[in-house]
Amino acid sequence: MFKHQIRIAYRDVTVGNHVYYARYLDLLEIVRNEFFRTLGHPLLQLQEQGIIFPVVECSLRCHAAARYDDLLDIETSVTNLGRVQFTLGYEVKRGDVLLVTASTRHAATTMEERPTKMPTGLFEALKKETEGHAPSCPSV
């Protein structure tokens, strides 16, 4: 499981001072980028090799509101892994309070958007992340 902290900026909240739901997708993108970087496979490096990982499905379930200036912990883990597709589960927390559960499913494609197998090194790194870890957030 990978954990990353993010502080909520004013731009992310509504007039009612809660994070606008679509902004959570931006936060998940930040965490996903850092997760791949820590695996030793930065997304830009993979793109330079001609492989990208578009989101093909996503879901969010809001349990409580995050607000301006909150410091959030966002945890992600691999919940499903194949050679061409994988799913990440996320939990967004403020302290011990669960705010959001989410999932994103990705397909490995070429730059021309044709499905392809992900590089063996990346597949092995993601597989290692799944070993001994129960999914923190099932696909919802």
Protein backbone atom coordinates (compact mmCIF):
# COMPACT_ATOMS: atom_id res chain seq x y z
CA MET A 1 0.00 0.00 0.00
CA PHE A 2 1.27 3.45 -0.95
CA LYS A 3 0.37 6.56 1.03
CA HIS A 4 0.70 10.20 -0.03
CA GLN A 5 -0.34 13.42 1.76
CA ILE A 6 -2.06 16.31 0.02
CA ARG A 7 -3.32 19.60 1.44
CA ILE A 8 -6.59 20.85 -0.04
CA ALA A 9 -6.20 24.13 -1.91
CA TYR A 10 -8.86 26.83 -2.07
CA ARG A 11 -9.34 26.11 -5.79
CA ASP A 12 -10.57 22.61 -4.92
CA VAL A 13 -13.56 23.63 -2.79
CA THR A 14 -17.05 24.88 -3.52
CA VAL A 15 -18.69 27.97 -2.04
CA GLY A 16 -19.96 25.63 0.71
CA ASN A 17 -16.33 24.74 1.58
CA HIS A 18 -16.30 21.10 0.61
CA VAL A 19 -14.13 19.52 -2.07
CA TYR A 20 -15.93 19.47 -5.41
CA TYR A 21 -16.40 15.80 -6.29
CA ALA A 22 -14.55 15.97 -9.63
CA ARG A 23 -11.46 17.34 -7.87
CA TYR A 24 -10.98 13.97 -6.19
CA LEU A 25 -10.07 12.56 -9.61
CA ASP A 26 -7.28 15.16 -9.82
CA LEU A 27 -6.04 14.13 -6.37
CA LEU A 28 -6.07 10.46 -7.34
CA GLU A 29 -4.04 11.32 -10.45
CA ILE A 30 -1.39 13.01 -8.29
CA VAL A 31 -1.19 9.97 -6.01
CA ARG A 32 -1.08 7.56 -8.96
CA ASN A 33 1.84 9.50 -10.48
CA GLU A 34 3.78 9.36 -7.20
CA PHE A 35 2.97 5.65 -6.78
CA PHE A 36 4.45 4.82 -10.19
CA ARG A 37 7.48 6.99 -9.44
CA THR A 38 8.17 5.05 -6.22
CA LEU A 39 7.85 1.78 -8.16
CA GLY A 40 10.72 3.01 -10.34
CA HIS A 41 8.46 3.43 -13.38
CA PRO A 42 7.56 7.12 -13.78
CA LEU A 43 4.64 7.58 -16.15
CA LEU A 44 6.60 10.00 -18.35
CA GLN A 45 9.33 7.38 -18.81
CA LEU A 46 6.68 4.82 -19.83
CA GLN A 47 5.13 7.34 -22.22
CA GLU A 48 8.55 7.88 -23.79
CA GLN A 49 8.61 4.10 -24.37
CA GLY A 50 5.29 4.43 -26.21
CA ILE A 51 2.99 3.09 -23.46
CA ILE A 52 0.24 4.99 -21.68
CA PHE A 53 -2.39 3.96 -19.12
CA PRO A 54 -5.68 5.75 -19.73
CA VAL A 55 -8.44 5.44 -17.18
CA VAL A 56 -11.18 3.24 -18.66
CA GLU A 57 -13.41 3.21 -15.59
CA CYS A 58 -13.55 5.09 -12.32
CA SER A 59 -15.79 5.37 -9.29
CA LEU A 60 -15.98 7.57 -6.21
CA ARG A 61 -17.99 7.13 -3.05
CA CYS A 62 -18.06 10.13 -0.71
CA HIS A 63 -18.50 9.30 2.97
CA ALA A 64 -17.72 12.72 4.48
CA ALA A 65 -16.58 16.12 3.25
CA ALA A 66 -13.01 17.30 2.93
CA ARG A 67 -12.58 21.04 3.38
CA TYR A 68 -10.16 23.83 2.47
CA ASP A 69 -6.73 23.42 4.09
CA ASP A 70 -7.40 19.83 5.25
CA LEU A 71 -4.32 17.62 5.18
CA LEU A 72 -5.43 14.36 3.60
CA ASP A 73 -3.77 10.96 3.50
CA ILE A 74 -4.53 9.13 0.29
CA GLU A 75 -3.70 5.44 0.21
CA THR A 76 -3.64 3.37 -2.94
CA SER A 77 -3.16 -0.30 -3.64
CA VAL A 78 -3.43 -2.65 -6.59
CA THR A 79 -6.77 -4.45 -6.33
CA ASN A 80 -6.74 -6.27 -9.68
CA LEU A 81 -3.83 -7.00 -11.99
CA GLY A 82 -3.67 -8.37 -15.51
CA ARG A 83 -1.10 -8.04 -18.27
CA VAL A 84 -3.15 -5.37 -20.09
CA GLN A 85 -5.42 -3.92 -17.37
CA PHE A 86 -5.10 -3.16 -13.69
CA THR A 87 -7.27 -1.56 -11.03
CA LEU A 88 -6.17 0.68 -8.17
CA GLY A 89 -8.23 1.17 -5.03
CA TYR A 90 -7.99 4.36 -2.98
CA GLU A 91 -8.93 5.56 0.47
CA VAL A 92 -8.93 9.28 1.22
CA LYS A 93 -8.69 10.05 4.94
CA ARG A 94 -8.42 13.03 7.25
CA GLY A 95 -6.74 11.52 10.27
CA ASP A 96 -8.79 8.43 11.08
CA VAL A 97 -11.90 9.68 9.27
CA LEU A 98 -12.61 7.94 5.96
CA LEU A 99 -13.78 10.58 3.48
CA VAL A 100 -13.77 8.86 0.10
CA THR A 101 -13.28 5.41 -1.37
CA ALA A 102 -12.50 5.19 -5.05
CA SER A 103 -11.16 2.98 -7.80
CA THR A 104 -9.64 3.52 -11.23
CA ARG A 105 -9.23 0.85 -13.89
CA HIS A 106 -6.51 1.38 -16.46
CA ALA A 107 -5.62 -0.22 -19.78
CA ALA A 108 -2.10 -0.40 -21.13
CA THR A 109 -2.14 1.03 -24.65
CA THR A 110 0.25 2.26 -27.27
CA MET A 111 0.34 5.95 -28.07
CA GLU A 112 -2.05 5.05 -30.91
CA GLU A 113 -4.48 3.74 -28.26
CA ARG A 114 -4.11 0.07 -29.17
CA PRO A 115 -4.14 -2.37 -26.24
CA THR A 116 -0.72 -3.76 -25.37
CA LYS A 117 0.91 -5.74 -22.60
CA MET A 118 2.58 -3.62 -19.97
CA PRO A 119 6.37 -3.88 -19.67
CA THR A 120 7.48 -6.93 -17.69
CA GLY A 121 9.37 -4.82 -15.13
CA LEU A 122 6.28 -2.76 -14.35
CA PHE A 123 4.04 -5.83 -14.22
CA GLU A 124 6.43 -7.47 -11.74
CA ALA A 125 6.57 -4.30 -9.60
CA LEU A 126 2.77 -4.09 -9.49
CA LYS A 127 2.52 -7.83 -8.78
CA LYS A 128 4.90 -7.42 -5.85
CA GLU A 129 2.61 -4.68 -4.49
CA THR A 130 -0.32 -7.12 -4.50
CA GLU A 131 1.52 -9.85 -2.56
CA GLY A 132 0.52 -9.93 1.07
CA HIS A 133 -1.90 -7.01 0.71
CA ALA A 134 -5.63 -7.32 1.01
CA PRO A 135 -7.31 -4.75 -1.22
CA SER A 136 -7.91 -1.56 0.75
CA CYS A 137 -10.78 -0.51 -1.44
CA PRO A 138 -12.69 -2.94 -3.61
CA SER A 139 -13.99 -1.63 -6.88
CA VAL A 140 -17.25 0.11 -6.12
